[in-house]
Amino acid sequence: MIEKLKDKAMELGAFKAGIVKASEIKTDACFRKMCADNMCGNYGRSYMCPPDIGPIEELMEKIKTFDRVLVYQTVGELEDSYDFEGMMEAGERHNKLAQKLWDFTDESGCTEALHLGAGGCRLCSVCGKKTGDPCRFPARAMGSLEAYGVNVSELAPQAGMKYINGQNTVTYFGAVFMK
């Protein structure tokens, strides 16, 4: 199944995709500090971001219960390093790819998968956390690799990818953990 998922990721527009063993993925609780420093602005503002997503130790242990992981990346071209709009558009394309991969695993009957994306969930335009409402799609909400303590800069080469893909580009990573 994971090879089919890799092919599907490429078909749907991933720049690259690779498969790694879950046991070889490096995690570190220090990534939670970056979340707590609110570098992306979602700390405490999304159900799928810290602190609401859960204790970092539990999340790092959870990913170790899986066997193999599809890692995929998308790369967006930017006008320059300050092209915030281009970064957001590339992020939106990445999130659409992540949701299509989720659809594919569901359609394939895969019930033991954990989908992790880049940044916050972004399934809803405004998270229910911000409006005081419950999560609208708890079965489809997606946490980030960083929220689970994954060291993406080390994960990229493990999966045969570059973490940075050149000047005036932005690279986003996602992963599907499978049993």
N, C-alpha and C. Protein backbone atom coordinates (compact mmCIF):
# COMPACT_ATOMS: atom_id res chain seq x y z
N MET A 1 0.82 -1.20 0.00
CA MET A 1 0.00 0.00 0.00
C MET A 1 0.86 1.27 0.00
N ILE A 2 1.94 1.24 0.75
CA ILE A 2 2.74 2.46 0.86
C ILE A 2 3.39 2.84 -0.47
N GLU A 3 3.73 1.85 -1.29
CA GLU A 3 4.28 2.16 -2.61
C GLU A 3 3.23 2.81 -3.50
N LYS A 4 1.99 2.33 -3.41
CA LYS A 4 0.89 2.94 -4.16
C LYS A 4 0.67 4.38 -3.70
N LEU A 5 0.79 4.59 -2.40
CA LEU A 5 0.62 5.93 -1.84
C LEU A 5 1.73 6.86 -2.33
N LYS A 6 2.93 6.34 -2.42
CA LYS A 6 4.06 7.13 -2.95
C LYS A 6 3.78 7.53 -4.39
N ASP A 7 3.34 6.58 -5.21
CA ASP A 7 3.01 6.88 -6.60
C ASP A 7 1.90 7.91 -6.69
N LYS A 8 0.90 7.78 -5.82
CA LYS A 8 -0.23 8.72 -5.82
C LYS A 8 0.24 10.12 -5.44
N ALA A 9 1.14 10.22 -4.47
CA ALA A 9 1.66 11.53 -4.07
C ALA A 9 2.33 12.22 -5.26
N MET A 10 3.11 11.47 -6.00
CA MET A 10 3.78 12.05 -7.17
C MET A 10 2.77 12.43 -8.25
N GLU A 11 1.80 11.57 -8.46
CA GLU A 11 0.75 11.84 -9.45
C GLU A 11 -0.02 13.12 -9.09
N LEU A 12 -0.21 13.36 -7.79
CA LEU A 12 -0.99 14.51 -7.34
C LEU A 12 -0.17 15.81 -7.26
N GLY A 13 1.12 15.73 -7.55
CA GLY A 13 1.92 16.95 -7.62
C GLY A 13 3.01 17.12 -6.59
N ALA A 14 3.32 16.07 -5.83
CA ALA A 14 4.46 16.18 -4.91
C ALA A 14 5.73 16.38 -5.73
N PHE A 15 6.65 17.15 -5.20
CA PHE A 15 7.95 17.36 -5.85
C PHE A 15 8.78 16.09 -5.74
N LYS A 16 8.78 15.51 -4.53
CA LYS A 16 9.46 14.24 -4.28
C LYS A 16 8.69 13.49 -3.21
N ALA A 17 8.90 12.18 -3.16
CA ALA A 17 8.30 11.33 -2.14
C ALA A 17 9.26 10.18 -1.85
N GLY A 18 9.35 9.80 -0.59
CA GLY A 18 10.22 8.72 -0.20
C GLY A 18 9.62 7.96 0.97
N ILE A 19 10.15 6.78 1.21
CA ILE A 19 9.65 5.93 2.28
C ILE A 19 10.77 5.68 3.29
N VAL A 20 10.45 5.83 4.56
CA VAL A 20 11.41 5.57 5.63
C VAL A 20 10.75 4.69 6.69
N LYS A 21 11.57 4.10 7.52
CA LYS A 21 11.06 3.33 8.66
C LYS A 21 10.72 4.31 9.78
N ALA A 22 9.58 4.12 10.40
CA ALA A 22 9.16 5.00 11.49
C ALA A 22 10.17 4.97 12.64
N SER A 23 10.77 3.82 12.87
CA SER A 23 11.72 3.68 13.98
C SER A 23 12.98 4.51 13.78
N GLU A 24 13.24 4.93 12.54
CA GLU A 24 14.45 5.70 12.24
C GLU A 24 14.23 7.21 12.28
N ILE A 25 13.00 7.64 12.49
CA ILE A 25 12.69 9.07 12.50
C ILE A 25 13.12 9.67 13.83
N LYS A 26 13.87 10.75 13.74
CA LYS A 26 14.36 11.43 14.93
C LYS A 26 13.33 12.44 15.42
N THR A 27 13.06 12.36 16.71
CA THR A 27 12.14 13.30 17.33
C THR A 27 12.87 14.02 18.46
N ASP A 28 12.35 15.17 18.81
CA ASP A 28 12.95 15.95 19.89
C ASP A 28 11.89 16.87 20.47
N ALA A 29 11.76 16.84 21.78
CA ALA A 29 10.76 17.68 22.45
C ALA A 29 11.05 19.17 22.29
N CYS A 30 12.26 19.54 21.87
CA CYS A 30 12.60 20.96 21.71
C CYS A 30 11.72 21.64 20.66
N PHE A 31 11.15 20.88 19.75
CA PHE A 31 10.30 21.48 18.73
C PHE A 31 9.03 22.07 19.34
N ARG A 32 8.63 21.56 20.49
CA ARG A 32 7.47 22.10 21.18
C ARG A 32 7.77 23.53 21.67
N LYS A 33 9.04 23.81 21.99
CA LYS A 33 9.40 25.16 22.42
C LYS A 33 9.19 26.14 21.27
N MET A 34 9.51 25.72 20.05
CA MET A 34 9.26 26.59 18.90
C MET A 34 7.77 26.87 18.78
N CYS A 35 6.98 25.85 19.04
CA CYS A 35 5.53 26.05 19.01
C CYS A 35 5.11 27.03 20.11
N ALA A 36 5.64 26.81 21.31
CA ALA A 36 5.29 27.67 22.43
C ALA A 36 5.75 29.12 22.20
N ASP A 37 6.83 29.28 21.45
CA ASP A 37 7.31 30.63 21.10
C ASP A 37 6.40 31.29 20.07
N ASN A 38 5.44 30.50 19.57
CA ASN A 38 4.40 30.97 18.64
C ASN A 38 4.98 31.55 17.35
N MET A 39 5.97 30.87 16.81
CA MET A 39 6.61 31.34 15.58
C MET A 39 5.64 31.40 14.40
N CYS A 40 4.64 30.52 14.39
CA CYS A 40 3.69 30.51 13.26
C CYS A 40 2.38 31.22 13.60
N GLY A 41 2.18 31.56 14.87
CA GLY A 41 0.97 32.27 15.27
C GLY A 41 -0.21 31.38 15.63
N ASN A 42 -0.02 30.05 15.65
CA ASN A 42 -1.14 29.15 15.92
C ASN A 42 -1.13 28.55 17.32
N TYR A 43 -0.13 28.86 18.13
CA TYR A 43 -0.07 28.27 19.47
C TYR A 43 -1.31 28.68 20.26
N GLY A 44 -2.04 27.66 20.72
CA GLY A 44 -3.25 27.89 21.49
C GLY A 44 -4.42 28.41 20.67
N ARG A 45 -4.28 28.41 19.34
CA ARG A 45 -5.32 28.95 18.46
C ARG A 45 -5.86 27.90 17.49
N SER A 46 -5.42 26.66 17.65
CA SER A 46 -5.87 25.57 16.78
C SER A 46 -5.89 24.29 17.59
N TYR A 47 -6.94 23.50 17.41
CA TYR A 47 -7.03 22.23 18.12
C TYR A 47 -5.90 21.28 17.76
N MET A 48 -5.34 21.43 16.58
CA MET A 48 -4.29 20.52 16.13
C MET A 48 -2.89 21.07 16.33
N CYS A 49 -2.79 22.14 17.10
CA CYS A 49 -1.50 22.72 17.47
C CYS A 49 -1.36 22.66 18.98
N PRO A 50 -0.14 22.75 19.46
CA PRO A 50 0.05 22.80 20.91
C PRO A 50 -0.62 24.04 21.50
N PRO A 51 -1.03 23.97 22.72
CA PRO A 51 -0.95 22.82 23.62
C PRO A 51 -2.11 21.83 23.45
N ASP A 52 -3.12 22.19 22.65
CA ASP A 52 -4.33 21.37 22.53
C ASP A 52 -4.10 20.00 21.91
N ILE A 53 -3.10 19.86 21.05
CA ILE A 53 -2.89 18.59 20.36
C ILE A 53 -2.44 17.49 21.32
N GLY A 54 -1.87 17.86 22.45
CA GLY A 54 -1.49 16.87 23.45
C GLY A 54 -0.03 16.98 23.85
N PRO A 55 0.34 16.23 24.89
CA PRO A 55 1.72 16.26 25.38
C PRO A 55 2.71 15.73 24.33
N ILE A 56 3.80 16.43 24.17
CA ILE A 56 4.80 16.08 23.15
C ILE A 56 5.32 14.66 23.34
N GLU A 57 5.53 14.22 24.57
CA GLU A 57 6.06 12.88 24.81
C GLU A 57 5.11 11.81 24.28
N GLU A 58 3.81 12.00 24.48
CA GLU A 58 2.82 11.04 23.98
C GLU A 58 2.80 11.01 22.46
N LEU A 59 2.91 12.17 21.84
CA LEU A 59 2.88 12.24 20.37
C LEU A 59 4.13 11.60 19.77
N MET A 60 5.29 11.84 20.39
CA MET A 60 6.52 11.21 19.89
C MET A 60 6.45 9.70 20.02
N GLU A 61 5.85 9.21 21.09
CA GLU A 61 5.68 7.77 21.27
C GLU A 61 4.68 7.21 20.26
N LYS A 62 3.63 7.95 19.98
CA LYS A 62 2.60 7.48 19.05
C LYS A 62 3.19 7.17 17.68
N ILE A 63 4.04 8.05 17.16
CA ILE A 63 4.56 7.80 15.81
C ILE A 63 5.48 6.58 15.77
N LYS A 64 6.02 6.19 16.91
CA LYS A 64 6.87 5.00 16.95
C LYS A 64 6.07 3.71 16.89
N THR A 65 4.74 3.81 17.00
CA THR A 65 3.89 2.62 16.91
C THR A 65 3.63 2.22 15.46
N PHE A 66 4.07 3.05 14.52
CA PHE A 66 3.87 2.77 13.10
C PHE A 66 5.12 2.12 12.53
N ASP A 67 4.97 1.49 11.36
CA ASP A 67 6.08 0.77 10.74
C ASP A 67 6.82 1.61 9.70
N ARG A 68 6.07 2.06 8.70
CA ARG A 68 6.69 2.78 7.59
C ARG A 68 6.00 4.11 7.39
N VAL A 69 6.74 5.01 6.77
CA VAL A 69 6.25 6.37 6.61
C VAL A 69 6.51 6.85 5.19
N LEU A 70 5.46 7.36 4.57
CA LEU A 70 5.62 8.06 3.30
C LEU A 70 5.90 9.52 3.65
N VAL A 71 7.02 10.02 3.20
CA VAL A 71 7.37 11.43 3.36
C VAL A 71 7.26 12.06 1.98
N TYR A 72 6.58 13.20 1.91
CA TYR A 72 6.45 13.88 0.62
C TYR A 72 6.70 15.37 0.81
N GLN A 73 7.11 15.99 -0.26
CA GLN A 73 7.38 17.42 -0.20
C GLN A 73 6.80 18.12 -1.42
N THR A 74 6.46 19.37 -1.22
CA THR A 74 6.07 20.24 -2.33
C THR A 74 7.00 21.44 -2.28
N VAL A 75 7.29 21.99 -3.44
CA VAL A 75 8.18 23.14 -3.54
C VAL A 75 7.47 24.22 -4.32
N GLY A 76 7.42 25.39 -3.74
CA GLY A 76 6.79 26.53 -4.40
C GLY A 76 7.83 27.55 -4.80
N GLU A 77 7.64 28.13 -5.98
CA GLU A 77 8.52 29.19 -6.46
C GLU A 77 8.04 30.53 -5.89
N LEU A 78 8.98 31.35 -5.46
CA LEU A 78 8.67 32.66 -4.90
C LEU A 78 9.30 33.76 -5.75
N GLU A 79 8.68 34.94 -5.74
CA GLU A 79 9.26 36.07 -6.45
C GLU A 79 10.58 36.49 -5.79
N ASP A 80 10.61 36.47 -4.47
CA ASP A 80 11.80 36.76 -3.69
C ASP A 80 11.60 36.20 -2.29
N SER A 81 12.58 36.37 -1.43
CA SER A 81 12.50 35.77 -0.10
C SER A 81 11.45 36.43 0.79
N TYR A 82 10.86 37.53 0.35
CA TYR A 82 9.82 38.22 1.12
C TYR A 82 8.42 37.99 0.57
N ASP A 83 8.29 37.06 -0.37
CA ASP A 83 7.02 36.80 -1.05
C ASP A 83 6.09 35.99 -0.14
N PHE A 84 5.50 36.67 0.84
CA PHE A 84 4.62 36.01 1.80
C PHE A 84 3.40 35.41 1.10
N GLU A 85 2.83 36.12 0.15
CA GLU A 85 1.66 35.62 -0.59
C GLU A 85 2.01 34.32 -1.32
N GLY A 86 3.17 34.27 -1.93
CA GLY A 86 3.62 33.06 -2.61
C GLY A 86 3.80 31.90 -1.65
N MET A 87 4.30 32.21 -0.44
CA MET A 87 4.46 31.16 0.57
C MET A 87 3.11 30.59 0.99
N MET A 88 2.12 31.49 1.15
CA MET A 88 0.79 31.04 1.56
C MET A 88 0.12 30.23 0.45
N GLU A 89 0.29 30.65 -0.80
CA GLU A 89 -0.28 29.89 -1.93
C GLU A 89 0.35 28.51 -2.02
N ALA A 90 1.67 28.44 -1.84
CA ALA A 90 2.36 27.15 -1.87
C ALA A 90 1.89 26.27 -0.72
N GLY A 91 1.67 26.87 0.45
CA GLY A 91 1.17 26.13 1.60
C GLY A 91 -0.22 25.58 1.35
N GLU A 92 -1.05 26.36 0.69
CA GLU A 92 -2.42 25.92 0.36
C GLU A 92 -2.37 24.73 -0.63
N ARG A 93 -1.49 24.82 -1.62
CA ARG A 93 -1.34 23.69 -2.56
C ARG A 93 -0.88 22.43 -1.82
N HIS A 94 0.05 22.62 -0.89
CA HIS A 94 0.54 21.48 -0.11
C HIS A 94 -0.59 20.86 0.70
N ASN A 95 -1.39 21.69 1.35
CA ASN A 95 -2.49 21.17 2.17
C ASN A 95 -3.54 20.47 1.34
N LYS A 96 -3.80 20.95 0.14
CA LYS A 96 -4.75 20.26 -0.74
C LYS A 96 -4.21 18.88 -1.13
N LEU A 97 -2.92 18.80 -1.39
CA LEU A 97 -2.29 17.51 -1.69
C LEU A 97 -2.43 16.57 -0.49
N ALA A 98 -2.18 17.09 0.71
CA ALA A 98 -2.29 16.26 1.91
C ALA A 98 -3.70 15.70 2.07
N GLN A 99 -4.71 16.52 1.82
CA GLN A 99 -6.10 16.05 1.94
C GLN A 99 -6.44 15.01 0.87
N LYS A 100 -5.90 15.19 -0.33
CA LYS A 100 -6.14 14.19 -1.39
C LYS A 100 -5.47 12.87 -1.05
N LEU A 101 -4.30 12.92 -0.43
CA LEU A 101 -3.65 11.68 0.00
C LEU A 101 -4.47 10.99 1.10
N TRP A 102 -5.06 11.79 1.97
CA TRP A 102 -5.93 11.24 3.02
C TRP A 102 -7.12 10.55 2.36
N ASP A 103 -7.73 11.20 1.38
CA ASP A 103 -8.84 10.59 0.64
C ASP A 103 -8.42 9.27 0.03
N PHE A 104 -7.24 9.23 -0.57
CA PHE A 104 -6.74 8.02 -1.21
C PHE A 104 -6.57 6.89 -0.20
N THR A 105 -6.02 7.18 0.98
CA THR A 105 -5.86 6.12 1.98
C THR A 105 -7.23 5.63 2.45
N ASP A 106 -8.17 6.55 2.63
CA ASP A 106 -9.53 6.15 3.03
C ASP A 106 -10.17 5.26 1.97
N GLU A 107 -10.08 5.67 0.70
CA GLU A 107 -10.67 4.92 -0.40
C GLU A 107 -10.03 3.55 -0.55
N SER A 108 -8.76 3.43 -0.15
CA SER A 108 -8.03 2.17 -0.26
C SER A 108 -8.30 1.25 0.92
N GLY A 109 -9.10 1.72 1.89
CA GLY A 109 -9.43 0.89 3.04
C GLY A 109 -8.37 0.87 4.12
N CYS A 110 -7.44 1.79 4.06
CA CYS A 110 -6.37 1.87 5.07
C CYS A 110 -6.92 2.55 6.32
N THR A 111 -7.05 1.79 7.39
CA THR A 111 -7.61 2.34 8.62
C THR A 111 -6.54 2.68 9.66
N GLU A 112 -5.32 2.24 9.43
CA GLU A 112 -4.23 2.46 10.38
C GLU A 112 -3.22 3.44 9.80
N ALA A 113 -3.62 4.70 9.65
CA ALA A 113 -2.72 5.71 9.10
C ALA A 113 -2.81 6.98 9.93
N LEU A 114 -1.68 7.64 10.05
CA LEU A 114 -1.61 8.93 10.72
C LEU A 114 -1.04 9.92 9.72
N HIS A 115 -1.83 10.93 9.39
CA HIS A 115 -1.41 11.96 8.44
C HIS A 115 -0.91 13.17 9.21
N LEU A 116 0.29 13.62 8.87
CA LEU A 116 0.84 14.83 9.46
C LEU A 116 1.26 15.77 8.34
N GLY A 117 1.01 17.05 8.55
CA GLY A 117 1.30 18.02 7.51
C GLY A 117 2.30 19.07 7.95
N ALA A 118 2.22 20.20 7.27
CA ALA A 118 3.11 21.33 7.53
C ALA A 118 2.31 22.43 8.22
N GLY A 119 2.80 22.88 9.35
CA GLY A 119 2.10 23.94 10.07
C GLY A 119 0.82 23.41 10.70
N GLY A 120 -0.11 24.28 10.95
CA GLY A 120 -1.37 23.90 11.58
C GLY A 120 -2.27 23.12 10.64
N CYS A 121 -3.40 22.71 11.14
CA CYS A 121 -4.34 21.85 10.40
C CYS A 121 -4.80 22.46 9.08
N ARG A 122 -5.32 23.65 9.12
CA ARG A 122 -5.78 24.39 7.94
C ARG A 122 -6.93 23.74 7.17
N LEU A 123 -7.59 22.76 7.76
CA LEU A 123 -8.73 22.15 7.09
C LEU A 123 -9.88 23.15 6.99
N CYS A 124 -10.08 23.90 8.06
CA CYS A 124 -11.11 24.94 8.09
C CYS A 124 -10.44 26.31 7.89
N SER A 125 -11.17 27.22 7.28
CA SER A 125 -10.59 28.56 7.11
C SER A 125 -10.38 29.24 8.46
N VAL A 126 -11.24 28.96 9.44
CA VAL A 126 -11.10 29.45 10.81
C VAL A 126 -11.34 28.27 11.74
N CYS A 127 -10.33 27.93 12.52
CA CYS A 127 -10.46 26.81 13.45
C CYS A 127 -11.51 27.13 14.50
N GLY A 128 -12.29 26.11 14.87
CA GLY A 128 -13.29 26.27 15.92
C GLY A 128 -12.69 26.74 17.24
N LYS A 129 -11.43 26.45 17.45
CA LYS A 129 -10.74 26.90 18.67
C LYS A 129 -10.80 28.43 18.78
N LYS A 130 -10.68 29.12 17.64
CA LYS A 130 -10.67 30.58 17.63
C LYS A 130 -12.05 31.16 17.90
N THR A 131 -13.10 30.40 17.60
CA THR A 131 -14.46 30.90 17.77
C THR A 131 -15.17 30.30 18.98
N GLY A 132 -14.46 29.43 19.70
CA GLY A 132 -15.06 28.80 20.88
C GLY A 132 -15.95 27.62 20.53
N ASP A 133 -15.86 27.12 19.31
CA ASP A 133 -16.65 25.97 18.86
C ASP A 133 -15.80 24.71 18.91
N PRO A 134 -16.42 23.53 18.96
CA PRO A 134 -15.64 22.30 18.89
C PRO A 134 -15.06 22.11 17.49
N CYS A 135 -14.10 21.23 17.39
CA CYS A 135 -13.51 20.90 16.08
C CYS A 135 -14.62 20.41 15.16
N ARG A 136 -14.71 20.98 13.97
CA ARG A 136 -15.77 20.62 13.02
C ARG A 136 -15.52 19.27 12.35
N PHE A 137 -14.26 18.90 12.20
CA PHE A 137 -13.91 17.66 11.51
C PHE A 137 -12.85 16.88 12.29
N PRO A 138 -13.17 16.41 13.50
CA PRO A 138 -12.14 15.76 14.32
C PRO A 138 -11.52 14.52 13.66
N ALA A 139 -12.26 13.83 12.81
CA ALA A 139 -11.72 12.65 12.15
C ALA A 139 -10.77 13.00 11.01
N ARG A 140 -10.80 14.26 10.56
CA ARG A 140 -9.95 14.68 9.44
C ARG A 140 -8.93 15.75 9.82
N ALA A 141 -8.96 16.21 11.06
CA ALA A 141 -8.03 17.25 11.49
C ALA A 141 -6.60 16.70 11.43
N MET A 142 -5.66 17.54 11.02
CA MET A 142 -4.30 17.08 10.78
C MET A 142 -3.30 17.90 11.59
N GLY A 143 -2.51 17.20 12.39
CA GLY A 143 -1.42 17.84 13.12
C GLY A 143 -0.21 18.02 12.22
N SER A 144 0.77 18.70 12.74
CA SER A 144 1.99 18.93 11.96
C SER A 144 3.10 17.99 12.42
N LEU A 145 4.06 17.81 11.55
CA LEU A 145 5.24 17.02 11.90
C LEU A 145 5.94 17.62 13.12
N GLU A 146 6.05 18.94 13.14
CA GLU A 146 6.74 19.60 14.24
C GLU A 146 5.99 19.44 15.57
N ALA A 147 4.66 19.47 15.53
CA ALA A 147 3.88 19.30 16.76
C ALA A 147 4.12 17.92 17.37
N TYR A 148 4.48 16.94 16.53
CA TYR A 148 4.79 15.60 16.99
C TYR A 148 6.27 15.44 17.31
N GLY A 149 7.02 16.53 17.24
CA GLY A 149 8.44 16.51 17.59
C GLY A 149 9.36 15.99 16.52
N VAL A 150 8.89 15.88 15.27
CA VAL A 150 9.72 15.34 14.20
C VAL A 150 10.72 16.40 13.73
N ASN A 151 11.96 15.98 13.63
CA ASN A 151 13.02 16.85 13.12
C ASN A 151 13.01 16.76 11.60
N VAL A 152 12.30 17.67 10.97
CA VAL A 152 12.09 17.60 9.52
C VAL A 152 13.40 17.81 8.75
N SER A 153 14.31 18.62 9.29
CA SER A 153 15.58 18.85 8.58
C SER A 153 16.41 17.57 8.52
N GLU A 154 16.21 16.64 9.45
CA GLU A 154 16.88 15.35 9.38
C GLU A 154 16.03 14.32 8.63
N LEU A 155 14.72 14.48 8.67
CA LEU A 155 13.84 13.57 7.97
C LEU A 155 14.01 13.68 6.45
N ALA A 156 14.19 14.89 5.97
CA ALA A 156 14.30 15.11 4.52
C ALA A 156 15.40 14.25 3.89
N PRO A 157 16.65 14.30 4.35
CA PRO A 157 17.66 13.45 3.72
C PRO A 157 17.42 11.96 3.92
N GLN A 158 16.78 11.58 5.04
CA GLN A 158 16.45 10.17 5.24
C GLN A 158 15.54 9.67 4.13
N ALA A 159 14.67 10.58 3.64
CA ALA A 159 13.71 10.22 2.59
C ALA A 159 14.25 10.55 1.20
N GLY A 160 15.53 10.94 1.11
CA GLY A 160 16.14 11.23 -0.19
C GLY A 160 15.79 12.60 -0.73
N MET A 161 15.56 13.56 0.15
CA MET A 161 15.14 14.90 -0.27
C MET A 161 16.05 15.96 0.32
N LYS A 162 15.99 17.12 -0.28
CA LYS A 162 16.65 18.30 0.27
C LYS A 162 15.66 19.02 1.17
N TYR A 163 16.16 19.58 2.26
CA TYR A 163 15.31 20.36 3.16
C TYR A 163 15.05 21.74 2.56
N ILE A 164 16.05 22.29 1.91
CA ILE A 164 15.93 23.58 1.22
C ILE A 164 16.20 23.32 -0.26
N ASN A 165 15.34 23.84 -1.12
CA ASN A 165 15.42 23.54 -2.54
C ASN A 165 15.79 24.73 -3.40
N GLY A 166 16.61 25.61 -2.88
CA GLY A 166 17.13 26.71 -3.68
C GLY A 166 16.57 28.06 -3.31
N GLN A 167 17.24 29.05 -3.81
CA GLN A 167 16.85 30.43 -3.57
C GLN A 167 15.46 30.70 -4.16
N ASN A 168 14.70 31.52 -3.46
CA ASN A 168 13.36 31.91 -3.88
C ASN A 168 12.42 30.73 -4.06
N THR A 169 12.54 29.78 -3.14
CA THR A 169 11.59 28.66 -3.08
C THR A 169 11.16 28.48 -1.63
N VAL A 170 10.03 27.84 -1.46
CA VAL A 170 9.57 27.42 -0.14
C VAL A 170 9.21 25.94 -0.25
N THR A 171 9.66 25.16 0.73
CA THR A 171 9.45 23.72 0.71
C THR A 171 8.59 23.32 1.91
N TYR A 172 7.56 22.55 1.64
CA TYR A 172 6.68 22.03 2.69
C TYR A 172 6.76 20.50 2.69
N PHE A 173 6.66 19.93 3.89
CA PHE A 173 6.73 18.48 4.05
C PHE A 173 5.47 17.94 4.70
N GLY A 174 5.12 16.74 4.32
CA GLY A 174 4.02 16.01 4.93
C GLY A 174 4.45 14.56 5.06
N ALA A 175 3.69 13.80 5.85
CA ALA A 175 4.01 12.39 6.03
C ALA A 175 2.75 11.60 6.34
N VAL A 176 2.76 10.36 5.91
CA VAL A 176 1.69 9.42 6.24
C VAL A 176 2.35 8.23 6.92
N PHE A 177 2.03 8.06 8.19
CA PHE A 177 2.56 6.94 8.98
C PHE A 177 1.59 5.77 8.83
N MET A 178 2.15 4.57 8.54
CA MET A 178 1.31 3.41 8.29
C MET A 178 1.80 2.20 9.06
N LYS A 179 0.84 1.34 9.42
CA LYS A 179 1.17 0.07 10.10
C LYS A 179 1.18 -1.05 9.09
